[in-house]
């Protein structure tokens, strides 16, 4: 689809809202590319707009991870997001967050990610 407004940059990724491994679910390469764009946008202090078909699951996952790494979320209620677990997990790993099933939450490991404050 074509964006309704002119943005400085437009990046489009094609994957469906699937949480299992399939030919149409997000790939690790797509997650790496998304993370690279978010890191570059953070360094350049750019605003980021994300959107999927309904604006809830895939874009919700990207928005949640973006807010975890320093982006300010919009005023839209977090209760409207149902983040796609696969998208969120892949992105979190790209940012160096690791998960240990013996612990109650994700942990940030700065040794596994690039520094965004360069």
N, C-alpha and C. Protein backbone atom coordinates (compact mmCIF):
# COMPACT_ATOMS: atom_id res chain seq x y z
N UNK A 1 0.83 -1.21 0.00
CA UNK A 1 0.00 0.00 0.00
C UNK A 1 0.86 1.26 0.00
N UNK A 2 0.31 2.30 -0.52
CA UNK A 2 0.99 3.59 -0.55
C UNK A 2 0.62 4.40 0.70
N UNK A 3 1.62 5.01 1.36
CA UNK A 3 1.31 5.85 2.53
C UNK A 3 0.43 7.03 2.15
N UNK A 4 -0.45 7.40 3.05
CA UNK A 4 -1.37 8.51 2.80
C UNK A 4 -0.63 9.85 2.80
N UNK A 5 0.44 9.94 3.61
CA UNK A 5 1.21 11.18 3.73
C UNK A 5 2.64 10.94 3.30
N UNK A 6 3.34 12.02 2.96
CA UNK A 6 4.74 11.92 2.58
C UNK A 6 5.60 11.86 3.85
N UNK A 7 6.33 10.78 4.01
CA UNK A 7 7.24 10.62 5.13
C UNK A 7 8.66 10.75 4.62
N UNK A 8 9.58 11.07 5.51
CA UNK A 8 10.99 11.17 5.13
C UNK A 8 11.47 9.83 4.58
N UNK A 9 11.11 8.76 5.24
CA UNK A 9 11.46 7.41 4.80
C UNK A 9 10.25 6.51 4.97
N UNK A 10 10.12 5.54 4.10
CA UNK A 10 9.06 4.54 4.21
C UNK A 10 9.70 3.17 4.03
N UNK A 11 9.46 2.29 4.97
CA UNK A 11 9.97 0.92 4.90
C UNK A 11 8.78 -0.01 5.09
N UNK A 12 8.63 -0.96 4.21
CA UNK A 12 7.51 -1.89 4.30
C UNK A 12 8.03 -3.31 4.42
N UNK A 13 7.42 -4.05 5.32
CA UNK A 13 7.77 -5.45 5.54
C UNK A 13 6.52 -6.28 5.31
N UNK A 14 6.68 -7.42 4.70
CA UNK A 14 5.53 -8.26 4.41
C UNK A 14 5.62 -9.57 5.19
N UNK A 15 4.80 -9.67 6.23
CA UNK A 15 4.64 -10.92 6.96
C UNK A 15 3.27 -10.89 7.62
N UNK A 16 2.71 -12.07 7.81
CA UNK A 16 1.36 -12.15 8.36
C UNK A 16 1.39 -12.23 9.88
N UNK A 17 0.23 -12.08 10.47
CA UNK A 17 0.10 -12.12 11.93
C UNK A 17 0.06 -13.56 12.41
N UNK A 18 1.16 -14.26 12.24
CA UNK A 18 1.27 -15.66 12.65
C UNK A 18 2.33 -15.78 13.73
N UNK A 19 2.06 -16.58 14.71
CA UNK A 19 3.01 -16.73 15.82
C UNK A 19 3.85 -17.99 15.70
N UNK A 20 3.53 -18.85 14.75
CA UNK A 20 4.32 -20.06 14.52
C UNK A 20 5.20 -19.86 13.30
N UNK A 21 6.21 -20.71 13.18
CA UNK A 21 7.11 -20.65 12.04
C UNK A 21 6.36 -21.10 10.79
N UNK A 22 6.27 -20.22 9.82
CA UNK A 22 5.64 -20.56 8.55
C UNK A 22 6.28 -19.68 7.47
N UNK A 23 6.06 -19.99 6.23
CA UNK A 23 6.66 -19.18 5.15
C UNK A 23 6.19 -17.72 5.15
N UNK A 24 5.08 -17.43 5.82
CA UNK A 24 4.54 -16.06 5.80
C UNK A 24 4.65 -15.34 7.14
N UNK A 25 5.29 -15.96 8.14
CA UNK A 25 5.49 -15.28 9.43
C UNK A 25 6.79 -14.48 9.38
N UNK A 26 6.98 -13.58 10.34
CA UNK A 26 8.19 -12.76 10.37
C UNK A 26 9.42 -13.67 10.45
N UNK A 27 10.48 -13.26 9.76
CA UNK A 27 11.73 -14.01 9.81
C UNK A 27 12.72 -13.29 10.72
N UNK A 28 13.76 -13.99 11.11
CA UNK A 28 14.81 -13.36 11.92
C UNK A 28 15.48 -12.23 11.14
N UNK A 29 15.59 -12.39 9.85
CA UNK A 29 16.19 -11.35 9.02
C UNK A 29 15.32 -10.09 8.98
N UNK A 30 14.01 -10.27 8.91
CA UNK A 30 13.11 -9.12 8.94
C UNK A 30 13.17 -8.42 10.29
N UNK A 31 13.23 -9.21 11.36
CA UNK A 31 13.34 -8.62 12.70
C UNK A 31 14.65 -7.85 12.83
N UNK A 32 15.73 -8.39 12.29
CA UNK A 32 17.02 -7.69 12.35
C UNK A 32 16.95 -6.37 11.58
N UNK A 33 16.30 -6.39 10.41
CA UNK A 33 16.15 -5.17 9.62
C UNK A 33 15.29 -4.14 10.35
N UNK A 34 14.21 -4.59 10.97
CA UNK A 34 13.36 -3.67 11.75
C UNK A 34 14.15 -3.07 12.91
N UNK A 35 14.90 -3.89 13.62
CA UNK A 35 15.70 -3.41 14.75
C UNK A 35 16.74 -2.40 14.29
N UNK A 36 17.37 -2.67 13.16
CA UNK A 36 18.36 -1.73 12.62
C UNK A 36 17.72 -0.38 12.31
N UNK A 37 16.53 -0.41 11.72
CA UNK A 37 15.82 0.84 11.43
C UNK A 37 15.46 1.59 12.71
N UNK A 38 14.99 0.86 13.72
CA UNK A 38 14.65 1.52 14.99
C UNK A 38 15.89 2.11 15.66
N UNK A 39 17.00 1.40 15.63
CA UNK A 39 18.25 1.92 16.21
C UNK A 39 18.69 3.18 15.49
N UNK A 40 18.64 3.14 14.15
CA UNK A 40 19.03 4.32 13.37
C UNK A 40 18.11 5.50 13.63
N UNK A 41 16.81 5.23 13.75
CA UNK A 41 15.85 6.29 14.04
C UNK A 41 16.08 6.87 15.43
N UNK A 42 16.43 6.02 16.38
CA UNK A 42 16.70 6.50 17.74
C UNK A 42 17.92 7.42 17.76
N UNK A 43 18.97 7.01 17.06
CA UNK A 43 20.20 7.82 17.00
C UNK A 43 19.92 9.16 16.33
N UNK A 44 19.13 9.15 15.27
CA UNK A 44 18.80 10.37 14.52
C UNK A 44 17.65 11.15 15.16
N UNK A 45 17.11 10.63 16.26
CA UNK A 45 15.97 11.26 16.95
C UNK A 45 14.79 11.48 16.00
N UNK A 46 14.49 10.45 15.23
CA UNK A 46 13.38 10.49 14.28
C UNK A 46 12.13 9.90 14.92
N UNK A 47 10.99 10.39 14.51
CA UNK A 47 9.72 9.79 14.90
C UNK A 47 9.50 8.55 14.04
N UNK A 48 8.83 7.56 14.59
CA UNK A 48 8.57 6.33 13.86
C UNK A 48 7.07 6.04 13.92
N UNK A 49 6.51 5.72 12.77
CA UNK A 49 5.11 5.33 12.68
C UNK A 49 5.09 3.88 12.21
N UNK A 50 4.39 3.03 12.95
CA UNK A 50 4.26 1.63 12.54
C UNK A 50 2.78 1.32 12.38
N UNK A 51 2.49 0.46 11.40
CA UNK A 51 1.09 0.10 11.20
C UNK A 51 1.01 -1.23 10.47
N UNK A 52 0.13 -2.07 10.93
CA UNK A 52 -0.19 -3.31 10.21
C UNK A 52 -1.65 -3.19 9.78
N UNK A 53 -2.24 -4.26 9.34
CA UNK A 53 -3.61 -4.20 8.81
C UNK A 53 -4.59 -3.63 9.84
N UNK A 54 -4.55 -4.14 11.06
CA UNK A 54 -5.47 -3.67 12.10
C UNK A 54 -4.80 -2.73 13.10
N UNK A 55 -3.48 -2.67 13.09
CA UNK A 55 -2.79 -1.78 14.02
C UNK A 55 -2.77 -2.29 15.45
N UNK A 56 -2.88 -3.58 15.65
CA UNK A 56 -2.97 -4.13 17.01
C UNK A 56 -1.85 -5.12 17.31
N UNK A 57 -1.68 -6.14 16.49
CA UNK A 57 -0.78 -7.26 16.83
C UNK A 57 0.66 -7.05 16.36
N UNK A 58 0.87 -6.98 15.06
CA UNK A 58 2.24 -6.83 14.55
C UNK A 58 2.79 -5.46 14.89
N UNK A 59 2.05 -4.42 14.57
CA UNK A 59 2.54 -3.08 14.90
C UNK A 59 2.56 -2.86 16.41
N UNK A 60 1.64 -3.51 17.12
CA UNK A 60 1.65 -3.43 18.58
C UNK A 60 2.93 -4.00 19.16
N UNK A 61 3.42 -5.09 18.59
CA UNK A 61 4.67 -5.70 19.05
C UNK A 61 5.84 -4.76 18.78
N UNK A 62 5.88 -4.17 17.59
CA UNK A 62 6.96 -3.24 17.25
C UNK A 62 6.91 -2.02 18.17
N UNK A 63 5.71 -1.48 18.40
CA UNK A 63 5.56 -0.31 19.27
C UNK A 63 5.99 -0.61 20.70
N UNK A 64 5.65 -1.79 21.21
CA UNK A 64 6.03 -2.13 22.58
C UNK A 64 7.54 -2.25 22.73
N UNK A 65 8.18 -2.91 21.78
CA UNK A 65 9.64 -3.03 21.85
C UNK A 65 10.29 -1.66 21.67
N UNK A 66 9.77 -0.85 20.77
CA UNK A 66 10.32 0.50 20.58
C UNK A 66 10.23 1.30 21.88
N UNK A 67 9.13 1.19 22.59
CA UNK A 67 9.02 1.92 23.86
C UNK A 67 9.98 1.37 24.90
N UNK A 68 10.30 0.08 24.83
CA UNK A 68 11.25 -0.52 25.77
C UNK A 68 12.68 0.00 25.54
N UNK A 69 12.97 0.45 24.33
CA UNK A 69 14.33 0.92 24.03
C UNK A 69 14.41 2.43 23.91
N UNK A 70 13.38 3.13 24.37
CA UNK A 70 13.50 4.58 24.49
C UNK A 70 12.56 5.44 23.69
N UNK A 71 11.77 4.87 22.79
CA UNK A 71 10.81 5.68 22.06
C UNK A 71 9.63 5.99 22.96
N UNK A 72 9.03 7.14 22.76
CA UNK A 72 7.86 7.53 23.54
C UNK A 72 6.61 7.07 22.81
N UNK A 73 5.82 6.21 23.44
CA UNK A 73 4.60 5.74 22.76
C UNK A 73 3.56 6.85 22.67
N UNK A 74 2.64 6.68 21.74
CA UNK A 74 1.54 7.64 21.61
C UNK A 74 0.59 7.47 22.79
N UNK A 75 -0.41 8.31 22.83
CA UNK A 75 -1.37 8.25 23.92
C UNK A 75 -2.38 7.13 23.75
N UNK A 76 -2.30 6.39 22.67
CA UNK A 76 -3.23 5.28 22.44
C UNK A 76 -3.11 4.29 23.60
N UNK A 77 -4.20 3.83 24.09
CA UNK A 77 -4.23 2.94 25.24
C UNK A 77 -3.51 1.62 24.96
N UNK A 78 -2.68 1.19 25.90
CA UNK A 78 -1.98 -0.08 25.76
C UNK A 78 -2.95 -1.25 25.76
N UNK A 79 -4.16 -1.05 26.23
CA UNK A 79 -5.13 -2.15 26.27
C UNK A 79 -5.64 -2.52 24.89
N UNK A 80 -5.38 -1.66 23.90
CA UNK A 80 -5.83 -1.98 22.55
C UNK A 80 -4.80 -2.82 21.79
N UNK A 81 -3.63 -2.98 22.35
CA UNK A 81 -2.59 -3.78 21.70
C UNK A 81 -2.65 -5.22 22.16
N UNK A 82 -2.50 -6.11 21.22
CA UNK A 82 -2.35 -7.54 21.51
C UNK A 82 -1.12 -7.97 20.72
N UNK A 83 0.09 -7.69 21.26
CA UNK A 83 1.31 -7.90 20.48
C UNK A 83 1.50 -9.34 20.01
N UNK A 84 1.89 -9.46 18.77
CA UNK A 84 2.24 -10.76 18.21
C UNK A 84 3.49 -11.25 18.94
N UNK A 85 3.41 -12.39 19.58
CA UNK A 85 4.50 -12.90 20.41
C UNK A 85 5.75 -13.17 19.59
N UNK A 86 5.59 -13.72 18.41
CA UNK A 86 6.76 -14.02 17.57
C UNK A 86 7.48 -12.73 17.17
N UNK A 87 6.74 -11.73 16.72
CA UNK A 87 7.34 -10.46 16.32
C UNK A 87 8.05 -9.83 17.52
N UNK A 88 7.38 -9.78 18.65
CA UNK A 88 7.96 -9.15 19.84
C UNK A 88 9.20 -9.90 20.30
N UNK A 89 9.16 -11.22 20.33
CA UNK A 89 10.30 -12.02 20.78
C UNK A 89 11.50 -11.82 19.86
N UNK A 90 11.27 -11.89 18.56
CA UNK A 90 12.38 -11.72 17.61
C UNK A 90 13.01 -10.33 17.75
N UNK A 91 12.17 -9.29 17.89
CA UNK A 91 12.70 -7.94 18.05
C UNK A 91 13.45 -7.77 19.37
N UNK A 92 12.89 -8.31 20.43
CA UNK A 92 13.55 -8.19 21.73
C UNK A 92 14.93 -8.84 21.69
N UNK A 93 15.04 -9.97 21.05
CA UNK A 93 16.35 -10.62 20.92
C UNK A 93 17.33 -9.75 20.15
N UNK A 94 16.84 -9.06 19.12
CA UNK A 94 17.70 -8.16 18.34
C UNK A 94 18.23 -7.00 19.18
N UNK A 95 17.47 -6.61 20.20
CA UNK A 95 17.90 -5.53 21.08
C UNK A 95 18.64 -6.04 22.31
N UNK A 96 18.90 -7.33 22.37
CA UNK A 96 19.69 -7.87 23.46
C UNK A 96 18.90 -8.27 24.69
N UNK A 97 17.60 -8.32 24.58
CA UNK A 97 16.80 -8.81 25.69
C UNK A 97 16.80 -10.33 25.62
N UNK A 98 17.03 -10.96 26.75
CA UNK A 98 17.03 -12.42 26.78
C UNK A 98 15.96 -12.89 27.74
N UNK A 99 15.53 -14.10 27.53
CA UNK A 99 14.47 -14.66 28.37
C UNK A 99 14.96 -15.94 29.03
N UNK A 100 14.75 -16.03 30.32
CA UNK A 100 15.08 -17.23 31.09
C UNK A 100 13.77 -17.69 31.72
N UNK A 101 13.34 -18.90 31.41
CA UNK A 101 12.05 -19.37 31.90
C UNK A 101 12.01 -19.49 33.42
N UNK A 102 13.16 -19.47 34.08
CA UNK A 102 13.20 -19.51 35.54
C UNK A 102 13.02 -18.14 36.18
N UNK A 103 13.02 -17.10 35.36
CA UNK A 103 12.86 -15.73 35.85
C UNK A 103 11.51 -15.19 35.39
N UNK A 104 10.96 -14.22 36.13
CA UNK A 104 9.62 -13.73 35.80
C UNK A 104 9.55 -12.78 34.61
N UNK A 105 10.68 -12.32 34.06
CA UNK A 105 10.61 -11.34 32.98
C UNK A 105 11.84 -11.40 32.09
N UNK A 106 11.79 -10.65 31.00
CA UNK A 106 12.93 -10.52 30.11
C UNK A 106 14.02 -9.73 30.80
N UNK A 107 15.26 -9.98 30.45
CA UNK A 107 16.39 -9.21 30.97
C UNK A 107 17.15 -8.61 29.81
N UNK A 108 17.64 -7.40 30.03
CA UNK A 108 18.43 -6.73 29.00
C UNK A 108 19.89 -7.10 29.17
N UNK A 109 20.51 -7.51 28.07
CA UNK A 109 21.92 -7.86 28.07
C UNK A 109 22.63 -6.93 27.10
N UNK A 110 23.28 -5.86 27.60
CA UNK A 110 23.89 -4.87 26.71
C UNK A 110 25.04 -5.42 25.88
N UNK A 111 25.58 -6.57 26.25
CA UNK A 111 26.68 -7.15 25.48
C UNK A 111 26.22 -7.77 24.17
N UNK A 112 24.91 -7.96 24.00
CA UNK A 112 24.41 -8.61 22.79
C UNK A 112 23.78 -7.63 21.82
N UNK A 113 23.90 -6.35 22.07
CA UNK A 113 23.31 -5.36 21.17
C UNK A 113 24.28 -4.24 20.92
N UNK A 114 24.01 -3.43 19.90
CA UNK A 114 24.87 -2.29 19.61
C UNK A 114 24.40 -1.10 20.44
N UNK A 115 25.32 -0.22 20.74
CA UNK A 115 25.03 0.97 21.54
C UNK A 115 24.28 1.98 20.70
N UNK A 116 23.22 2.56 21.24
CA UNK A 116 22.43 3.54 20.49
C UNK A 116 22.82 4.96 20.85
N UNK A 117 23.70 5.17 21.79
CA UNK A 117 24.07 6.53 22.22
C UNK A 117 25.35 7.02 21.57
N UNK A 118 25.74 6.46 20.43
CA UNK A 118 26.98 6.89 19.77
C UNK A 118 26.90 8.33 19.32
